[in-house]
Amino acid sequence: MSERVGIAVGDEVSFLDEEGGGTVLRMVDRGRVVVRTWDGFELEYPVKLVVKREVGSKYTLSDHHAKLVADNDRLHDRIEKHKGRGASDRNGGRANQRVEDPYTMEIDLHLHKLVEDESRLSDDAKLTFQLNYFERMLNSAIKLRKRRLVVIHGVGEGVLREEVRKVLQFYEGCRFHDADPFRYGNGATVIDIVHY
């Protein structure tokens, strides 16, 4: 098995392509590791997409890693600022101040929110599952006469975002734009539904 140099069971790691990290639980074949995230989920990642956290030692940071550290610091500052109002790592340090809008529907396409075990799905099957779920929810929002659908797709490489927007080209009564970055980060699309 090809392992990334220095990654071992029990190591604290950070993710290269997303915020967060966790503890390596076990090494899996094909150069993958199972990580228990700081949110308590057990997820499988390619070894090349995790980096060992060097706590307390002197080392140089890449620009990318420095940005991740700075983002993490801002997150913890937000959590401290909104402490006691529901702010946590899970909700990006934002206090629970949303008032439910009866005309808005919100869906999260992150795979760990949709399936119990995503490790058995191929990348194509994962994307197909997410897109099918999205289209079912969009059709439900239209039937329920919602005015707006907020789709949380995450940032990643932007594949899911682009596929969601391709699907929307077939819906004449839907206009879309990026969601408010202060509320959703850069990983969400707002769909305004114009009813006939």
N, C-alpha and C. Protein backbone atom coordinates (compact mmCIF):
# COMPACT_ATOMS: atom_id res chain seq x y z
N MET A 1 0.86 -1.18 0.00
CA MET A 1 0.00 0.00 0.00
C MET A 1 0.90 1.23 0.00
N SER A 2 0.56 2.20 -0.84
CA SER A 2 1.35 3.43 -0.90
C SER A 2 0.77 4.43 0.08
N GLU A 3 1.56 4.81 1.06
CA GLU A 3 1.11 5.75 2.08
C GLU A 3 1.87 7.06 1.91
N ARG A 4 1.27 8.13 2.28
CA ARG A 4 1.94 9.43 2.30
C ARG A 4 2.96 9.38 3.42
N VAL A 5 4.15 9.85 3.16
CA VAL A 5 5.21 9.81 4.15
C VAL A 5 4.79 10.57 5.40
N GLY A 6 4.87 9.91 6.55
CA GLY A 6 4.59 10.57 7.80
C GLY A 6 3.16 10.44 8.29
N ILE A 7 2.23 9.91 7.52
CA ILE A 7 0.85 9.75 7.97
C ILE A 7 0.71 8.36 8.57
N ALA A 8 0.21 8.31 9.81
CA ALA A 8 0.04 7.03 10.49
C ALA A 8 -1.24 7.06 11.31
N VAL A 9 -1.70 5.88 11.71
CA VAL A 9 -2.88 5.77 12.56
C VAL A 9 -2.65 6.57 13.84
N GLY A 10 -3.65 7.38 14.22
CA GLY A 10 -3.55 8.20 15.43
C GLY A 10 -3.10 9.62 15.19
N ASP A 11 -2.57 9.91 13.98
CA ASP A 11 -2.12 11.27 13.66
C ASP A 11 -3.30 12.23 13.53
N GLU A 12 -3.09 13.46 13.95
CA GLU A 12 -4.04 14.54 13.69
C GLU A 12 -3.70 15.08 12.31
N VAL A 13 -4.73 15.20 11.45
CA VAL A 13 -4.50 15.67 10.09
C VAL A 13 -5.47 16.79 9.74
N SER A 14 -5.08 17.60 8.76
CA SER A 14 -5.95 18.62 8.18
C SER A 14 -6.21 18.22 6.75
N PHE A 15 -7.34 18.70 6.19
CA PHE A 15 -7.69 18.40 4.81
C PHE A 15 -7.16 19.50 3.91
N LEU A 16 -6.64 19.13 2.77
CA LEU A 16 -6.08 20.12 1.85
C LEU A 16 -7.15 20.87 1.08
N ASP A 17 -8.23 20.21 0.69
CA ASP A 17 -9.23 20.84 -0.18
C ASP A 17 -10.45 21.36 0.54
N GLU A 18 -10.49 21.28 1.86
CA GLU A 18 -11.63 21.77 2.61
C GLU A 18 -11.18 22.10 4.02
N GLU A 19 -11.98 22.88 4.72
CA GLU A 19 -11.66 23.23 6.08
C GLU A 19 -11.87 22.03 6.98
N GLY A 20 -11.14 22.01 8.08
CA GLY A 20 -11.34 20.96 9.07
C GLY A 20 -10.25 19.93 9.04
N GLY A 21 -10.48 18.89 9.81
CA GLY A 21 -9.51 17.82 9.93
C GLY A 21 -10.03 16.79 10.91
N GLY A 22 -9.10 15.98 11.43
CA GLY A 22 -9.51 14.95 12.38
C GLY A 22 -8.36 14.03 12.71
N THR A 23 -8.70 12.83 13.18
CA THR A 23 -7.71 11.85 13.59
C THR A 23 -7.78 10.64 12.66
N VAL A 24 -6.61 10.16 12.22
CA VAL A 24 -6.56 8.99 11.35
C VAL A 24 -6.91 7.76 12.18
N LEU A 25 -7.97 7.04 11.77
CA LEU A 25 -8.39 5.83 12.48
C LEU A 25 -7.73 4.58 11.91
N ARG A 26 -7.65 4.52 10.55
CA ARG A 26 -7.01 3.36 9.94
C ARG A 26 -6.61 3.70 8.50
N MET A 27 -5.64 2.92 8.04
CA MET A 27 -5.19 3.04 6.66
C MET A 27 -6.00 2.05 5.83
N VAL A 28 -6.41 2.48 4.62
CA VAL A 28 -7.20 1.63 3.74
C VAL A 28 -6.39 1.42 2.47
N ASP A 29 -6.64 0.32 1.78
CA ASP A 29 -5.89 0.08 0.54
C ASP A 29 -6.17 1.18 -0.48
N ARG A 30 -5.45 1.18 -1.56
CA ARG A 30 -5.55 2.18 -2.63
C ARG A 30 -5.17 3.59 -2.15
N GLY A 31 -4.28 3.68 -1.15
CA GLY A 31 -3.79 4.99 -0.73
C GLY A 31 -4.84 5.88 -0.09
N ARG A 32 -5.69 5.28 0.74
CA ARG A 32 -6.76 6.03 1.40
C ARG A 32 -6.68 5.82 2.90
N VAL A 33 -7.23 6.79 3.65
CA VAL A 33 -7.28 6.68 5.10
C VAL A 33 -8.71 6.99 5.57
N VAL A 34 -9.07 6.41 6.71
CA VAL A 34 -10.34 6.73 7.34
C VAL A 34 -10.03 7.70 8.47
N VAL A 35 -10.71 8.85 8.45
CA VAL A 35 -10.46 9.91 9.42
C VAL A 35 -11.74 10.16 10.22
N ARG A 36 -11.64 10.24 11.54
CA ARG A 36 -12.77 10.71 12.35
C ARG A 36 -12.61 12.22 12.42
N THR A 37 -13.55 12.93 11.77
CA THR A 37 -13.45 14.38 11.70
C THR A 37 -13.71 14.99 13.07
N TRP A 38 -13.39 16.26 13.18
CA TRP A 38 -13.62 16.96 14.45
C TRP A 38 -15.12 17.08 14.73
N ASP A 39 -15.94 16.88 13.69
CA ASP A 39 -17.39 16.88 13.88
C ASP A 39 -17.92 15.52 14.28
N GLY A 40 -17.05 14.50 14.34
CA GLY A 40 -17.46 13.17 14.78
C GLY A 40 -17.82 12.21 13.67
N PHE A 41 -17.65 12.60 12.39
CA PHE A 41 -17.96 11.71 11.28
C PHE A 41 -16.74 10.87 10.92
N GLU A 42 -16.95 9.64 10.50
CA GLU A 42 -15.87 8.81 9.99
C GLU A 42 -15.95 8.84 8.47
N LEU A 43 -14.95 9.47 7.84
CA LEU A 43 -14.95 9.65 6.39
C LEU A 43 -13.65 9.12 5.81
N GLU A 44 -13.73 8.62 4.58
CA GLU A 44 -12.55 8.10 3.89
C GLU A 44 -12.02 9.16 2.95
N TYR A 45 -10.70 9.38 2.99
CA TYR A 45 -10.05 10.39 2.16
C TYR A 45 -8.83 9.78 1.46
N PRO A 46 -8.50 10.27 0.27
CA PRO A 46 -7.21 9.89 -0.32
C PRO A 46 -6.08 10.46 0.54
N VAL A 47 -5.04 9.67 0.73
CA VAL A 47 -3.92 10.11 1.57
C VAL A 47 -3.32 11.41 1.03
N LYS A 48 -3.34 11.59 -0.29
CA LYS A 48 -2.74 12.80 -0.87
C LYS A 48 -3.53 14.07 -0.54
N LEU A 49 -4.75 13.93 0.02
CA LEU A 49 -5.56 15.11 0.35
C LEU A 49 -5.58 15.42 1.85
N VAL A 50 -4.70 14.76 2.61
CA VAL A 50 -4.58 15.09 4.04
C VAL A 50 -3.12 15.42 4.34
N VAL A 51 -2.93 16.27 5.33
CA VAL A 51 -1.58 16.63 5.74
C VAL A 51 -1.51 16.53 7.26
N LYS A 52 -0.44 15.97 7.75
CA LYS A 52 -0.26 15.79 9.18
C LYS A 52 -0.12 17.15 9.85
N ARG A 53 -0.82 17.30 10.97
CA ARG A 53 -0.73 18.55 11.74
C ARG A 53 0.46 18.44 12.66
N GLU A 54 1.39 19.30 12.48
CA GLU A 54 2.61 19.31 13.29
C GLU A 54 2.39 20.25 14.47
N VAL A 55 1.82 19.74 15.53
CA VAL A 55 1.52 20.56 16.70
C VAL A 55 2.79 20.81 17.50
N GLY A 56 3.09 22.09 17.72
CA GLY A 56 4.20 22.47 18.58
C GLY A 56 5.58 22.42 17.95
N SER A 57 5.71 22.04 16.69
CA SER A 57 7.04 22.00 16.09
C SER A 57 7.19 23.18 15.12
N LYS A 58 8.43 23.50 14.80
CA LYS A 58 8.70 24.59 13.88
C LYS A 58 8.72 24.04 12.46
N TYR A 59 7.92 24.63 11.59
CA TYR A 59 7.91 24.23 10.19
C TYR A 59 7.38 25.40 9.38
N THR A 60 7.68 25.39 8.11
CA THR A 60 7.23 26.48 7.25
C THR A 60 5.87 26.13 6.67
N LEU A 61 5.06 27.14 6.49
CA LEU A 61 3.72 26.94 5.95
C LEU A 61 3.68 27.37 4.49
N SER A 62 2.98 26.60 3.69
CA SER A 62 2.72 27.04 2.32
C SER A 62 1.67 28.14 2.38
N ASP A 63 1.51 28.89 1.31
CA ASP A 63 0.47 29.93 1.27
C ASP A 63 -0.91 29.32 1.48
N HIS A 64 -1.12 28.15 0.87
CA HIS A 64 -2.42 27.48 1.00
C HIS A 64 -2.69 27.11 2.46
N HIS A 65 -1.69 26.52 3.10
CA HIS A 65 -1.86 26.11 4.49
C HIS A 65 -2.03 27.33 5.40
N ALA A 66 -1.30 28.40 5.12
CA ALA A 66 -1.44 29.62 5.91
C ALA A 66 -2.85 30.18 5.79
N LYS A 67 -3.42 30.11 4.58
CA LYS A 67 -4.80 30.56 4.39
C LYS A 67 -5.77 29.71 5.20
N LEU A 68 -5.55 28.39 5.21
CA LEU A 68 -6.41 27.51 5.99
C LEU A 68 -6.33 27.83 7.48
N VAL A 69 -5.11 28.09 7.97
CA VAL A 69 -4.93 28.43 9.38
C VAL A 69 -5.65 29.75 9.69
N ALA A 70 -5.51 30.73 8.80
CA ALA A 70 -6.17 32.02 9.00
C ALA A 70 -7.69 31.87 8.98
N ASP A 71 -8.22 31.06 8.04
CA ASP A 71 -9.66 30.82 8.00
C ASP A 71 -10.14 30.16 9.28
N ASN A 72 -9.36 29.22 9.78
CA ASN A 72 -9.71 28.52 11.02
C ASN A 72 -9.72 29.50 12.20
N ASP A 73 -8.74 30.41 12.23
CA ASP A 73 -8.69 31.41 13.30
C ASP A 73 -9.92 32.33 13.24
N ARG A 74 -10.31 32.75 12.03
CA ARG A 74 -11.50 33.59 11.89
C ARG A 74 -12.75 32.84 12.34
N LEU A 75 -12.81 31.54 12.03
CA LEU A 75 -13.95 30.72 12.45
C LEU A 75 -14.04 30.70 13.97
N HIS A 76 -12.92 30.45 14.64
CA HIS A 76 -12.94 30.40 16.10
C HIS A 76 -13.26 31.77 16.72
N ASP A 77 -12.83 32.85 16.07
CA ASP A 77 -13.20 34.20 16.54
C ASP A 77 -14.71 34.40 16.44
N ARG A 78 -15.30 33.95 15.31
CA ARG A 78 -16.76 34.06 15.14
C ARG A 78 -17.49 33.25 16.20
N ILE A 79 -16.98 32.06 16.48
CA ILE A 79 -17.62 31.20 17.48
C ILE A 79 -17.59 31.88 18.84
N GLU A 80 -16.44 32.47 19.20
CA GLU A 80 -16.33 33.17 20.49
C GLU A 80 -17.28 34.37 20.54
N LYS A 81 -17.39 35.08 19.42
CA LYS A 81 -18.25 36.27 19.36
C LYS A 81 -19.71 35.90 19.57
N HIS A 82 -20.14 34.78 19.00
CA HIS A 82 -21.54 34.38 19.06
C HIS A 82 -21.78 33.23 20.04
N LYS A 83 -20.88 33.08 20.98
CA LYS A 83 -21.01 32.00 21.96
C LYS A 83 -22.33 32.15 22.73
N GLY A 84 -23.00 31.04 22.93
CA GLY A 84 -24.26 31.07 23.64
C GLY A 84 -25.47 31.28 22.74
N ARG A 85 -25.22 31.58 21.46
CA ARG A 85 -26.33 31.77 20.51
C ARG A 85 -26.33 30.68 19.45
N GLY A 86 -25.67 29.55 19.75
CA GLY A 86 -25.71 28.41 18.84
C GLY A 86 -24.56 28.34 17.85
N ALA A 87 -23.55 29.20 17.96
CA ALA A 87 -22.43 29.17 17.03
C ALA A 87 -21.55 27.96 17.31
N SER A 88 -21.14 27.26 16.25
CA SER A 88 -20.25 26.10 16.41
C SER A 88 -19.45 25.90 15.13
N ASP A 89 -18.54 24.91 15.17
CA ASP A 89 -17.78 24.56 13.96
C ASP A 89 -18.72 24.11 12.86
N ARG A 90 -19.76 23.39 13.22
CA ARG A 90 -20.68 22.82 12.22
C ARG A 90 -21.40 23.88 11.42
N ASN A 91 -21.79 24.98 12.04
CA ASN A 91 -22.53 26.00 11.30
C ASN A 91 -21.65 27.18 10.91
N GLY A 92 -20.34 26.96 10.90
CA GLY A 92 -19.41 28.00 10.44
C GLY A 92 -19.27 29.17 11.39
N GLY A 93 -19.59 28.97 12.67
CA GLY A 93 -19.46 30.03 13.66
C GLY A 93 -20.56 31.06 13.60
N ARG A 94 -21.63 30.75 12.90
CA ARG A 94 -22.73 31.69 12.77
C ARG A 94 -23.79 31.40 13.82
N ALA A 95 -24.29 32.44 14.42
CA ALA A 95 -25.34 32.29 15.42
C ALA A 95 -26.65 31.94 14.74
N ASN A 96 -27.46 31.18 15.44
CA ASN A 96 -28.78 30.81 14.91
C ASN A 96 -29.70 32.01 15.03
N GLN A 97 -29.82 32.74 13.93
CA GLN A 97 -30.70 33.90 13.96
C GLN A 97 -31.67 33.89 12.78
N ARG A 98 -31.75 32.75 12.11
CA ARG A 98 -32.65 32.65 10.97
C ARG A 98 -34.09 32.55 11.43
N VAL A 99 -34.90 33.28 10.76
CA VAL A 99 -36.34 33.15 10.93
C VAL A 99 -36.81 32.36 9.72
N GLU A 100 -37.51 31.28 9.96
CA GLU A 100 -37.96 30.44 8.85
C GLU A 100 -38.87 31.23 7.92
N ASP A 101 -38.53 31.24 6.67
CA ASP A 101 -39.31 31.90 5.63
C ASP A 101 -40.17 30.82 4.97
N PRO A 102 -41.48 30.94 5.02
CA PRO A 102 -42.33 29.89 4.46
C PRO A 102 -42.22 29.76 2.94
N TYR A 103 -41.61 30.73 2.29
CA TYR A 103 -41.50 30.70 0.84
C TYR A 103 -40.11 30.27 0.37
N THR A 104 -39.25 29.92 1.32
CA THR A 104 -37.89 29.51 0.98
C THR A 104 -37.66 28.08 1.45
N MET A 105 -37.02 27.30 0.60
CA MET A 105 -36.65 25.93 0.94
C MET A 105 -35.13 25.83 0.82
N GLU A 106 -34.51 25.09 1.73
CA GLU A 106 -33.06 24.97 1.73
C GLU A 106 -32.70 23.49 1.71
N ILE A 107 -31.77 23.11 0.82
CA ILE A 107 -31.31 21.72 0.79
C ILE A 107 -29.79 21.69 0.81
N ASP A 108 -29.25 20.65 1.42
CA ASP A 108 -27.81 20.46 1.52
C ASP A 108 -27.44 19.22 0.71
N LEU A 109 -26.59 19.39 -0.30
CA LEU A 109 -26.22 18.27 -1.16
C LEU A 109 -24.93 17.58 -0.73
N HIS A 110 -24.37 17.95 0.43
CA HIS A 110 -23.19 17.23 0.91
C HIS A 110 -23.58 15.77 1.10
N LEU A 111 -22.78 14.89 0.55
CA LEU A 111 -23.13 13.47 0.50
C LEU A 111 -23.32 12.86 1.88
N HIS A 112 -22.52 13.29 2.86
CA HIS A 112 -22.67 12.71 4.20
C HIS A 112 -24.00 13.07 4.85
N LYS A 113 -24.69 14.09 4.30
CA LYS A 113 -26.03 14.45 4.78
C LYS A 113 -27.11 13.60 4.11
N LEU A 114 -26.78 12.98 2.97
CA LEU A 114 -27.78 12.28 2.17
C LEU A 114 -27.73 10.76 2.30
N VAL A 115 -26.54 10.19 2.50
CA VAL A 115 -26.41 8.74 2.59
C VAL A 115 -25.66 8.35 3.85
N GLU A 116 -25.94 7.15 4.32
CA GLU A 116 -25.30 6.68 5.54
C GLU A 116 -23.85 6.27 5.30
N ASP A 117 -23.59 5.57 4.19
CA ASP A 117 -22.24 5.10 3.89
C ASP A 117 -21.91 5.40 2.43
N GLU A 118 -21.11 6.43 2.23
CA GLU A 118 -20.78 6.84 0.86
C GLU A 118 -19.55 6.13 0.32
N SER A 119 -18.86 5.36 1.16
CA SER A 119 -17.59 4.75 0.75
C SER A 119 -17.77 3.71 -0.35
N ARG A 120 -18.96 3.14 -0.49
CA ARG A 120 -19.18 2.10 -1.50
C ARG A 120 -19.61 2.66 -2.85
N LEU A 121 -19.80 3.97 -2.93
CA LEU A 121 -20.24 4.60 -4.17
C LEU A 121 -19.05 5.10 -4.97
N SER A 122 -19.11 4.92 -6.29
CA SER A 122 -18.08 5.49 -7.16
C SER A 122 -18.32 7.00 -7.24
N ASP A 123 -17.34 7.72 -7.74
CA ASP A 123 -17.49 9.18 -7.87
C ASP A 123 -18.67 9.52 -8.78
N ASP A 124 -18.83 8.78 -9.86
CA ASP A 124 -19.96 9.02 -10.77
C ASP A 124 -21.29 8.75 -10.08
N ALA A 125 -21.36 7.67 -9.30
CA ALA A 125 -22.60 7.33 -8.59
C ALA A 125 -22.92 8.40 -7.54
N LYS A 126 -21.90 8.93 -6.88
CA LYS A 126 -22.12 9.98 -5.89
C LYS A 126 -22.73 11.22 -6.55
N LEU A 127 -22.13 11.65 -7.66
CA LEU A 127 -22.62 12.83 -8.36
C LEU A 127 -24.04 12.61 -8.88
N THR A 128 -24.30 11.44 -9.45
CA THR A 128 -25.64 11.13 -9.95
C THR A 128 -26.66 11.16 -8.83
N PHE A 129 -26.32 10.58 -7.67
CA PHE A 129 -27.21 10.57 -6.52
C PHE A 129 -27.53 12.00 -6.08
N GLN A 130 -26.49 12.84 -5.97
CA GLN A 130 -26.69 14.23 -5.55
C GLN A 130 -27.57 14.99 -6.54
N LEU A 131 -27.33 14.80 -7.84
CA LEU A 131 -28.11 15.52 -8.85
C LEU A 131 -29.56 15.04 -8.87
N ASN A 132 -29.79 13.74 -8.72
CA ASN A 132 -31.17 13.22 -8.68
C ASN A 132 -31.90 13.79 -7.46
N TYR A 133 -31.23 13.82 -6.32
CA TYR A 133 -31.83 14.38 -5.11
C TYR A 133 -32.16 15.86 -5.33
N PHE A 134 -31.21 16.61 -5.91
CA PHE A 134 -31.44 18.02 -6.18
C PHE A 134 -32.67 18.23 -7.06
N GLU A 135 -32.77 17.44 -8.13
CA GLU A 135 -33.88 17.65 -9.06
C GLU A 135 -35.22 17.29 -8.40
N ARG A 136 -35.24 16.25 -7.55
CA ARG A 136 -36.48 15.91 -6.83
C ARG A 136 -36.89 17.06 -5.91
N MET A 137 -35.92 17.65 -5.21
CA MET A 137 -36.21 18.75 -4.29
C MET A 137 -36.63 20.01 -5.04
N LEU A 138 -36.02 20.26 -6.19
CA LEU A 138 -36.41 21.41 -7.02
C LEU A 138 -37.86 21.25 -7.48
N ASN A 139 -38.21 20.06 -7.95
CA ASN A 139 -39.59 19.81 -8.38
C ASN A 139 -40.57 19.93 -7.21
N SER A 140 -40.15 19.48 -6.02
CA SER A 140 -40.99 19.64 -4.82
C SER A 140 -41.20 21.12 -4.50
N ALA A 141 -40.13 21.91 -4.58
CA ALA A 141 -40.23 23.34 -4.29
C ALA A 141 -41.18 24.01 -5.27
N ILE A 142 -41.13 23.60 -6.54
CA ILE A 142 -42.03 24.18 -7.54
C ILE A 142 -43.47 23.79 -7.22
N LYS A 143 -43.70 22.51 -6.91
CA LYS A 143 -45.06 22.04 -6.58
C LYS A 143 -45.61 22.74 -5.35
N LEU A 144 -44.74 22.97 -4.36
CA LEU A 144 -45.17 23.62 -3.11
C LEU A 144 -45.26 25.14 -3.25
N ARG A 145 -45.00 25.64 -4.45
CA ARG A 145 -45.08 27.07 -4.76
C ARG A 145 -44.11 27.90 -3.92
N LYS A 146 -42.93 27.34 -3.68
CA LYS A 146 -41.88 28.10 -3.00
C LYS A 146 -41.36 29.16 -3.95
N ARG A 147 -40.89 30.24 -3.42
CA ARG A 147 -40.34 31.32 -4.26
C ARG A 147 -38.84 31.19 -4.43
N ARG A 148 -38.22 30.48 -3.49
CA ARG A 148 -36.76 30.42 -3.49
C ARG A 148 -36.30 29.06 -2.99
N LEU A 149 -35.25 28.52 -3.62
CA LEU A 149 -34.61 27.29 -3.17
C LEU A 149 -33.13 27.59 -3.01
N VAL A 150 -32.60 27.35 -1.82
CA VAL A 150 -31.17 27.55 -1.57
C VAL A 150 -30.53 26.16 -1.60
N VAL A 151 -29.56 26.00 -2.50
CA VAL A 151 -28.88 24.72 -2.68
C VAL A 151 -27.45 24.85 -2.14
N ILE A 152 -27.16 24.11 -1.08
CA ILE A 152 -25.81 24.11 -0.51
C ILE A 152 -25.06 22.95 -1.15
N HIS A 153 -24.10 23.28 -2.01
CA HIS A 153 -23.37 22.25 -2.74
C HIS A 153 -21.91 22.17 -2.34
N GLY A 154 -21.43 23.11 -1.56
CA GLY A 154 -20.04 23.11 -1.15
C GLY A 154 -19.16 23.74 -2.23
N VAL A 155 -17.89 23.91 -1.89
CA VAL A 155 -16.96 24.54 -2.82
C VAL A 155 -16.24 23.48 -3.64
N GLY A 156 -15.43 22.66 -2.99
CA GLY A 156 -14.71 21.58 -3.68
C GLY A 156 -14.06 22.02 -4.96
N GLU A 157 -14.18 21.21 -5.99
CA GLU A 157 -13.62 21.54 -7.30
C GLU A 157 -14.64 22.24 -8.19
N GLY A 158 -15.86 22.41 -7.72
CA GLY A 158 -16.89 23.11 -8.46
C GLY A 158 -17.68 22.25 -9.42
N VAL A 159 -17.45 20.94 -9.42
CA VAL A 159 -18.15 20.05 -10.35
C VAL A 159 -19.64 20.01 -10.04
N LEU A 160 -20.00 19.79 -8.77
CA LEU A 160 -21.41 19.70 -8.39
C LEU A 160 -22.12 21.02 -8.68
N ARG A 161 -21.48 22.13 -8.36
CA ARG A 161 -22.07 23.45 -8.62
C ARG A 161 -22.41 23.61 -10.10
N GLU A 162 -21.47 23.27 -10.96
CA GLU A 162 -21.69 23.42 -12.40
C GLU A 162 -22.77 22.48 -12.91
N GLU A 163 -22.80 21.26 -12.38
CA GLU A 163 -23.83 20.30 -12.82
C GLU A 163 -25.22 20.76 -12.37
N VAL A 164 -25.32 21.33 -11.16
CA VAL A 164 -26.60 21.86 -10.68
C VAL A 164 -27.06 22.97 -11.62
N ARG A 165 -26.15 23.83 -11.99
CA ARG A 165 -26.51 24.95 -12.87
C ARG A 165 -26.85 24.50 -14.29
N LYS A 166 -26.25 23.38 -14.73
CA LYS A 166 -26.62 22.84 -16.04
C LYS A 166 -28.06 22.33 -16.01
N VAL A 167 -28.44 21.66 -14.92
CA VAL A 167 -29.81 21.17 -14.79
C VAL A 167 -30.78 22.34 -14.84
N LEU A 168 -30.43 23.45 -14.21
CA LEU A 168 -31.32 24.60 -14.14
C LEU A 168 -31.60 25.23 -15.50
N GLN A 169 -30.77 24.97 -16.48
CA GLN A 169 -30.99 25.51 -17.82
C GLN A 169 -32.26 24.95 -18.45
N PHE A 170 -32.74 23.81 -17.95
CA PHE A 170 -33.94 23.18 -18.50
C PHE A 170 -35.22 23.63 -17.80
N TYR A 171 -35.08 24.53 -16.82
CA TYR A 171 -36.24 25.04 -16.08
C TYR A 171 -36.41 26.51 -16.42
N GLU A 172 -37.39 26.81 -17.26
CA GLU A 172 -37.60 28.19 -17.73
C GLU A 172 -37.95 29.15 -16.60
N GLY A 173 -38.67 28.68 -15.59
CA GLY A 173 -39.12 29.55 -14.52
C GLY A 173 -38.14 29.69 -13.37
N CYS A 174 -36.87 29.37 -13.59
CA CYS A 174 -35.88 29.44 -12.51
C CYS A 174 -34.73 30.36 -12.90
N ARG A 175 -34.41 31.27 -12.02
CA ARG A 175 -33.24 32.15 -12.17
C ARG A 175 -32.32 31.83 -10.99
N PHE A 176 -31.03 31.83 -11.22
CA PHE A 176 -30.12 31.47 -10.14
C PHE A 176 -28.95 32.44 -10.04
N HIS A 177 -28.37 32.48 -8.86
CA HIS A 177 -27.19 33.31 -8.59
C HIS A 177 -26.49 32.76 -7.35
N ASP A 178 -25.27 33.23 -7.11
CA ASP A 178 -24.53 32.80 -5.92
C ASP A 178 -25.25 33.27 -4.67
N ALA A 179 -25.22 32.44 -3.64
CA ALA A 179 -25.85 32.79 -2.37
C ALA A 179 -24.99 33.81 -1.63
N ASP A 180 -25.57 34.42 -0.62
CA ASP A 180 -24.88 35.39 0.22
C ASP A 180 -23.67 34.72 0.88
N PRO A 181 -22.44 35.16 0.55
CA PRO A 181 -21.26 34.50 1.10
C PRO A 181 -21.13 34.64 2.61
N PHE A 182 -21.72 35.68 3.19
CA PHE A 182 -21.64 35.84 4.64
C PHE A 182 -22.53 34.84 5.36
N ARG A 183 -23.57 34.38 4.69
CA ARG A 183 -24.49 33.42 5.31
C ARG A 183 -24.15 31.98 4.96
N TYR A 184 -23.71 31.74 3.70
CA TYR A 184 -23.49 30.37 3.24
C TYR A 184 -22.06 30.08 2.81
N GLY A 185 -21.15 31.04 2.91
CA GLY A 185 -19.82 30.83 2.35
C GLY A 185 -19.92 30.90 0.83
N ASN A 186 -18.96 30.30 0.15
CA ASN A 186 -18.96 30.34 -1.31
C ASN A 186 -19.53 29.08 -1.93
N GLY A 187 -20.19 28.24 -1.13
CA GLY A 187 -20.63 26.95 -1.62
C GLY A 187 -22.13 26.79 -1.73
N ALA A 188 -22.85 27.82 -2.16
CA ALA A 188 -24.30 27.70 -2.28
C ALA A 188 -24.81 28.53 -3.44
N THR A 189 -25.93 28.07 -4.00
CA THR A 189 -26.61 28.75 -5.10
C THR A 189 -28.05 29.02 -4.68
N VAL A 190 -28.53 30.22 -4.98
CA VAL A 190 -29.93 30.58 -4.72
C VAL A 190 -30.68 30.48 -6.04
N ILE A 191 -31.82 29.80 -6.01
CA ILE A 191 -32.67 29.67 -7.18
C ILE A 191 -33.96 30.40 -6.89
N ASP A 192 -34.26 31.43 -7.67
CA ASP A 192 -35.52 32.13 -7.57
C ASP A 192 -36.50 31.48 -8.53
N ILE A 193 -37.64 31.05 -8.01
CA ILE A 193 -38.62 30.32 -8.81
C ILE A 193 -39.75 31.27 -9.20
N VAL A 194 -39.93 31.45 -10.50
CA VAL A 194 -41.00 32.29 -11.03
C VAL A 194 -42.13 31.36 -11.44
N HIS A 195 -43.26 31.45 -10.76
CA HIS A 195 -44.38 30.54 -11.05
C HIS A 195 -45.19 31.04 -12.23
N TYR A 196 -45.73 30.14 -12.97
CA TYR A 196 -46.48 30.44 -14.19
C TYR A 196 -47.90 30.82 -13.86
